[in-house]
Amino acid sequence: MERQAVEAQRIRSELTTTEFGTSGGRAVMLLLLAGRGTFISDEVEREVAGPCLIWAPTGWWTRISLAAGARGFLARLPERALGRAMPTDALSAHVRQAVSRRIFLSDISPKMIASVTTLFEKIDTELREAPPGSETVLHHCISLMLIDIWRAAAPPRQSVEQAPHRISDSFLSLVELHMQNHWTIAEYASRIGISRDSLNTAVRGAIGVPPHAHIQRRLMEEAKALLVTTNLRVAEVGYRLGFGDAAYFTRFFKRHEQLAPAQFRRKYTPLYRQRTEEVSFAQWP
């Protein structure tokens, strides 16, 4: 996430009308704590009064005009930041659908006001002070804010059957985040909110192999890359990939490659050094 692209602005009591706008490249989240104003977005014009929350997605020209005395918070979020902040589990499709449309929430609870205010304060602090790890903090704060908006706009009443492609997308994203944790298939299925059989069917249909095979394939791809592009010892490569025992990592690697990790490194490191950066590890044996 590029920090400079995320904007956070406090709305304080002014003596005159204040206007805020965006050309559509950023989503806008307005938490109006007090005061009145007008929200204009393409063909929609609406009078608003605090306390309320307004969400305008990217792709819409938006202007917000607030009367004197208004107080609240305004955040402008680029599409790239929203994409990175989207949940990767079963919530993803629901949150993405909710924030793809304009939202007006006039009946917001004190609990939600407190939550969004706290998240805004944290975003504002991270943007101003830029401490180490601020991009990660921004990512999580925006993610939590999106979930708050989704909960208030469309609280889930019942379990909704997920489309197979959404299940497989969620699984593939979770693998990239957690393959070093060596989750079981049951843990992946639980995080997505489905059964193991449903996960197996969806993943097989999407990529042609069962979930367990995909996880092992990704671990092998990462292991090969580390072996030929770093000076890490074999045991350190295994530890980085979540193998607590170097001997077990060696057995795992040899079972899939028919070569021990050290043998693979000796054979393919010279080839790697001769290749251009455009050649991917997927072309290797």
Protein backbone atom coordinates (compact mmCIF):
# COMPACT_ATOMS: atom_id res chain seq x y z
CA MET A 1 0.00 0.00 0.00
CA GLU A 2 1.39 3.40 -0.87
CA ARG A 3 0.97 5.50 2.24
CA GLN A 4 0.84 8.80 0.35
CA ALA A 5 -2.24 7.67 -1.60
CA VAL A 6 -4.31 7.19 1.56
CA GLU A 7 -5.69 10.45 2.96
CA ALA A 8 -7.24 11.13 6.35
CA GLN A 9 -8.79 14.48 7.22
CA ARG A 10 -10.49 15.80 10.32
CA ILE A 11 -13.63 17.85 9.84
CA ARG A 12 -13.74 20.60 12.43
CA SER A 13 -16.31 23.28 13.06
CA GLU A 14 -15.90 26.06 10.50
CA LEU A 15 -17.63 29.40 10.12
CA THR A 16 -18.44 28.79 6.48
CA THR A 17 -19.51 25.91 4.24
CA THR A 18 -16.74 23.38 3.59
CA GLU A 19 -16.51 21.19 0.50
CA PHE A 20 -14.71 17.89 -0.08
CA GLY A 21 -14.52 15.99 -3.34
CA THR A 22 -12.91 13.29 -5.42
CA SER A 23 -12.84 12.65 -9.16
CA GLY A 24 -13.48 8.92 -8.74
CA GLY A 25 -9.98 7.56 -8.33
CA ARG A 26 -10.51 7.13 -4.60
CA ALA A 27 -13.30 5.80 -2.43
CA VAL A 28 -14.60 8.22 0.19
CA MET A 29 -15.64 7.38 3.74
CA LEU A 30 -17.27 10.19 5.73
CA LEU A 31 -18.20 9.82 9.39
CA LEU A 32 -20.24 12.91 10.21
CA LEU A 33 -20.50 13.25 13.96
CA ALA A 34 -22.45 16.52 14.01
CA GLY A 35 -23.82 19.05 11.55
CA ARG A 36 -25.57 18.93 8.21
CA GLY A 37 -24.60 18.87 4.58
CA THR A 38 -25.24 17.65 1.04
CA PHE A 39 -23.81 14.58 -0.64
CA ILE A 40 -23.60 14.67 -4.45
CA SER A 41 -22.36 11.71 -6.51
CA ASP A 42 -23.07 11.65 -10.25
CA GLU A 43 -26.87 11.61 -10.50
CA VAL A 44 -27.46 11.24 -6.74
CA GLU A 45 -27.96 14.23 -4.43
CA ARG A 46 -28.87 13.69 -0.80
CA GLU A 47 -29.17 15.78 2.34
CA VAL A 48 -27.29 14.30 5.30
CA ALA A 49 -27.16 15.04 9.01
CA GLY A 50 -24.91 13.73 11.76
CA PRO A 51 -24.42 11.30 13.18
CA CYS A 52 -24.20 9.35 9.94
CA LEU A 53 -21.74 7.44 7.80
CA ILE A 54 -21.39 7.78 4.03
CA TRP A 55 -19.41 5.51 1.73
CA ALA A 56 -18.80 6.32 -1.95
CA PRO A 57 -16.86 3.67 -3.93
CA THR A 58 -14.15 4.33 -6.49
CA GLY A 59 -15.31 5.19 -9.99
CA TRP A 60 -17.87 7.80 -8.90
CA TRP A 61 -17.39 11.56 -9.01
CA THR A 62 -18.25 12.72 -5.51
CA ARG A 63 -18.72 16.08 -3.77
CA ILE A 64 -19.67 16.61 -0.14
CA SER A 65 -20.71 20.06 1.03
CA LEU A 66 -20.91 20.56 4.80
CA ALA A 67 -22.52 23.48 6.59
CA ALA A 68 -20.78 25.52 9.26
CA GLY A 69 -20.48 23.66 12.53
CA ALA A 70 -19.97 20.21 11.05
CA ARG A 71 -17.60 17.79 12.75
CA GLY A 72 -16.31 14.37 11.77
CA PHE A 73 -13.72 12.45 9.78
CA LEU A 74 -13.07 11.94 6.09
CA ALA A 75 -10.88 9.24 4.52
CA ARG A 76 -9.97 8.92 0.84
CA LEU A 77 -8.82 5.44 -0.16
CA PRO A 78 -7.35 4.49 -3.57
CA GLU A 79 -8.45 1.28 -5.25
CA ARG A 80 -5.06 -0.37 -4.71
CA ALA A 81 -5.28 0.20 -0.96
CA LEU A 82 -8.82 -1.21 -0.89
CA GLY A 83 -7.75 -4.30 -2.83
CA ARG A 84 -4.94 -5.07 -0.40
CA ALA A 85 -7.19 -4.47 2.61
CA MET A 86 -9.96 -6.81 1.50
CA PRO A 87 -10.34 -9.88 3.75
CA THR A 88 -8.99 -13.05 2.17
CA ASP A 89 -11.37 -15.50 3.82
CA ALA A 90 -15.08 -16.15 3.40
CA LEU A 91 -15.89 -12.51 4.16
CA SER A 92 -14.15 -11.25 1.03
CA ALA A 93 -17.04 -11.60 -1.41
CA HIS A 94 -19.55 -10.08 1.03
CA VAL A 95 -17.38 -7.10 1.99
CA ARG A 96 -16.39 -6.45 -1.64
CA GLN A 97 -20.02 -6.49 -2.72
CA ALA A 98 -21.07 -4.13 0.08
CA VAL A 99 -18.39 -1.48 -0.59
CA SER A 100 -18.88 -1.57 -4.37
CA ARG A 101 -22.01 0.58 -3.95
CA ARG A 102 -22.84 3.86 -2.26
CA ILE A 103 -23.88 3.52 1.37
CA PHE A 104 -25.80 5.93 3.61
CA LEU A 105 -26.06 4.94 7.25
CA SER A 106 -28.09 7.33 9.38
CA ASP A 107 -28.85 4.91 12.19
CA ILE A 108 -25.36 4.06 13.43
CA SER A 109 -24.76 2.77 16.92
CA PRO A 110 -22.45 4.43 19.45
CA LYS A 111 -20.36 1.24 19.30
CA MET A 112 -19.76 1.64 15.55
CA ILE A 113 -19.02 5.34 15.93
CA ALA A 114 -16.41 4.51 18.57
CA SER A 115 -14.88 1.77 16.41
CA VAL A 116 -14.59 3.86 13.25
CA THR A 117 -13.29 6.84 15.25
CA THR A 118 -10.57 4.71 16.82
CA LEU A 119 -9.54 3.32 13.42
CA PHE A 120 -9.47 6.79 11.88
CA GLU A 121 -7.33 8.12 14.73
CA LYS A 122 -4.87 5.26 14.17
CA ILE A 123 -4.77 5.82 10.40
CA ASP A 124 -4.20 9.54 10.94
CA THR A 125 -1.34 8.88 13.38
CA GLU A 126 0.36 6.37 11.08
CA LEU A 127 0.17 8.75 8.12
CA ARG A 128 1.55 11.70 10.09
CA GLU A 129 4.31 9.94 12.03
CA ALA A 130 5.21 7.13 9.58
CA PRO A 131 6.72 4.78 12.21
CA PRO A 132 8.27 1.44 11.17
CA GLY A 133 5.60 -0.97 9.99
CA SER A 134 3.10 1.79 9.23
CA GLU A 135 2.06 0.27 5.91
CA THR A 136 1.06 -2.96 7.64
CA VAL A 137 -0.87 -1.05 10.30
CA LEU A 138 -2.69 0.99 7.63
CA HIS A 139 -3.58 -2.21 5.78
CA HIS A 140 -5.18 -3.75 8.87
CA CYS A 141 -6.97 -0.56 9.96
CA ILE A 142 -8.58 -0.14 6.55
CA SER A 143 -9.54 -3.81 6.54
CA LEU A 144 -11.26 -3.45 9.91
CA MET A 145 -13.01 -0.28 8.74
CA LEU A 146 -14.37 -2.07 5.65
CA ILE A 147 -15.69 -4.88 7.83
CA ASP A 148 -17.38 -2.34 10.14
CA ILE A 149 -19.09 -0.74 7.14
CA TRP A 150 -20.17 -4.13 5.77
CA ARG A 151 -21.58 -5.21 9.12
CA ALA A 152 -23.62 -2.04 9.45
CA ALA A 153 -24.80 -1.95 5.83
CA ALA A 154 -25.62 -5.62 5.32
CA PRO A 155 -25.34 -7.70 8.50
CA PRO A 156 -25.35 -11.41 7.63
CA ARG A 157 -28.58 -13.11 8.65
CA GLN A 158 -27.90 -16.59 7.37
CA SER A 159 -25.20 -18.67 5.80
CA VAL A 160 -24.93 -18.03 2.06
CA GLU A 161 -23.68 -20.77 -0.23
CA GLN A 162 -20.47 -19.65 -1.86
CA ALA A 163 -19.68 -19.96 -5.54
CA PRO A 164 -16.87 -22.46 -6.29
CA HIS A 165 -14.62 -19.82 -7.83
CA ARG A 166 -14.88 -17.68 -4.70
CA ILE A 167 -13.99 -20.67 -2.55
CA SER A 168 -10.92 -21.46 -4.65
CA ASP A 169 -9.84 -17.79 -4.71
CA SER A 170 -10.09 -17.61 -0.93
CA PHE A 171 -8.12 -20.83 -0.55
CA LEU A 172 -5.33 -19.74 -2.91
CA SER A 173 -5.00 -16.42 -1.08
CA LEU A 174 -4.89 -18.11 2.32
CA VAL A 175 -2.19 -20.53 1.13
CA GLU A 176 0.08 -17.61 0.22
CA LEU A 177 -0.38 -16.22 3.72
CA HIS A 178 -0.20 -19.43 5.76
CA MET A 179 1.65 -22.18 3.91
CA GLN A 180 4.62 -21.74 6.27
CA ASN A 181 2.23 -22.44 9.16
CA HIS A 182 1.45 -25.88 7.70
CA TRP A 183 -2.28 -25.59 8.25
CA THR A 184 -4.35 -28.72 7.76
CA ILE A 185 -7.00 -28.82 5.04
CA ALA A 186 -9.60 -28.76 7.80
CA GLU A 187 -8.15 -25.47 9.09
CA TYR A 188 -8.33 -23.89 5.63
CA ALA A 189 -11.92 -25.10 5.21
CA SER A 190 -12.87 -23.77 8.64
CA ARG A 191 -11.37 -20.34 7.91
CA ILE A 192 -13.34 -20.12 4.64
CA GLY A 193 -16.48 -21.37 6.36
CA ILE A 194 -17.12 -24.55 4.37
CA SER A 195 -16.61 -28.31 4.69
CA ARG A 196 -13.47 -30.15 3.62
CA ASP A 197 -15.39 -31.87 0.84
CA SER A 198 -16.66 -28.55 -0.53
CA LEU A 199 -13.15 -27.13 -0.46
CA ASN A 200 -11.72 -30.17 -2.21
CA THR A 201 -14.38 -30.04 -4.95
CA ALA A 202 -13.98 -26.31 -5.57
CA VAL A 203 -10.17 -26.37 -5.68
CA ARG A 204 -10.01 -29.44 -7.92
CA GLY A 205 -12.44 -27.80 -10.31
CA ALA A 206 -10.47 -24.54 -10.39
CA ILE A 207 -6.83 -25.69 -10.62
CA GLY A 208 -7.02 -29.42 -11.37
CA VAL A 209 -5.38 -30.68 -8.17
CA PRO A 210 -6.65 -31.15 -4.61
CA PRO A 211 -5.82 -28.57 -1.89
CA HIS A 212 -3.09 -30.66 -0.28
CA ALA A 213 -1.25 -31.07 -3.60
CA HIS A 214 -1.35 -27.33 -4.24
CA ILE A 215 0.09 -26.55 -0.81
CA GLN A 216 2.95 -29.00 -1.34
CA ARG A 217 3.59 -27.62 -4.82
CA ARG A 218 3.85 -24.07 -3.48
CA LEU A 219 6.18 -25.17 -0.68
CA MET A 220 8.42 -26.84 -3.26
CA GLU A 221 8.43 -23.75 -5.47
CA GLU A 222 9.47 -21.59 -2.53
CA ALA A 223 12.10 -24.11 -1.43
CA LYS A 224 13.66 -24.24 -4.91
CA ALA A 225 13.75 -20.47 -5.13
CA LEU A 226 15.46 -20.12 -1.74
CA LEU A 227 17.99 -22.84 -2.50
CA VAL A 228 19.30 -21.24 -5.69
CA THR A 229 18.83 -17.53 -4.98
CA THR A 230 20.09 -17.31 -1.38
CA ASN A 231 23.04 -18.49 0.67
CA LEU A 232 20.81 -19.93 3.39
CA ARG A 233 21.82 -23.33 4.64
CA VAL A 234 19.47 -26.18 3.83
CA ALA A 235 18.26 -26.30 7.42
CA GLU A 236 17.57 -22.54 7.36
CA VAL A 237 15.54 -22.90 4.16
CA GLY A 238 13.46 -25.56 5.89
CA TYR A 239 12.94 -23.43 8.99
CA ARG A 240 11.87 -20.45 6.86
CA LEU A 241 9.21 -22.64 5.26
CA GLY A 242 7.91 -23.86 8.61
CA PHE A 243 9.70 -27.21 8.87
CA GLY A 244 10.82 -27.60 12.47
CA ASP A 245 13.19 -30.47 11.61
CA ALA A 246 15.87 -30.22 8.90
CA ALA A 247 15.80 -33.96 8.26
CA TYR A 248 12.04 -33.88 7.68
CA PHE A 249 12.46 -31.00 5.21
CA THR A 250 15.09 -33.00 3.33
CA ARG A 251 12.79 -36.04 3.14
CA PHE A 252 9.90 -33.86 1.98
CA PHE A 253 12.00 -32.23 -0.73
CA LYS A 254 13.52 -35.48 -1.95
CA ARG A 255 10.12 -37.18 -2.11
CA HIS A 256 8.88 -34.51 -4.55
CA GLU A 257 12.06 -33.80 -6.51
CA GLN A 258 14.01 -37.08 -6.37
CA LEU A 259 17.00 -34.99 -5.33
CA ALA A 260 18.15 -33.90 -1.89
CA PRO A 261 18.08 -30.10 -1.36
CA ALA A 262 21.89 -29.84 -1.46
CA GLN A 263 22.02 -31.83 -4.71
CA PHE A 264 19.34 -29.61 -6.25
CA ARG A 265 21.30 -26.50 -5.27
CA ARG A 266 24.52 -27.78 -6.86
CA LYS A 267 22.73 -28.78 -10.06
CA TYR A 268 20.53 -25.76 -10.69
CA THR A 269 22.29 -22.76 -9.15
CA PRO A 270 24.72 -22.45 -12.12
CA LEU A 271 21.77 -22.61 -14.53
CA TYR A 272 19.94 -19.92 -12.59
CA ARG A 273 22.92 -17.58 -12.76
CA GLN A 274 23.02 -17.94 -16.53
CA ARG A 275 19.36 -17.21 -17.06
CA THR A 276 17.72 -13.83 -17.38
CA GLU A 277 15.36 -12.55 -14.71
CA GLU A 278 12.41 -13.24 -16.99
CA VAL A 279 12.76 -17.03 -16.67
CA SER A 280 10.52 -18.32 -13.92
CA PHE A 281 11.05 -21.22 -11.55
CA ALA A 282 7.94 -22.83 -13.02
CA GLN A 283 10.05 -23.84 -16.02
CA TRP A 284 12.38 -25.92 -13.89
CA PRO A 285 12.03 -29.66 -13.52
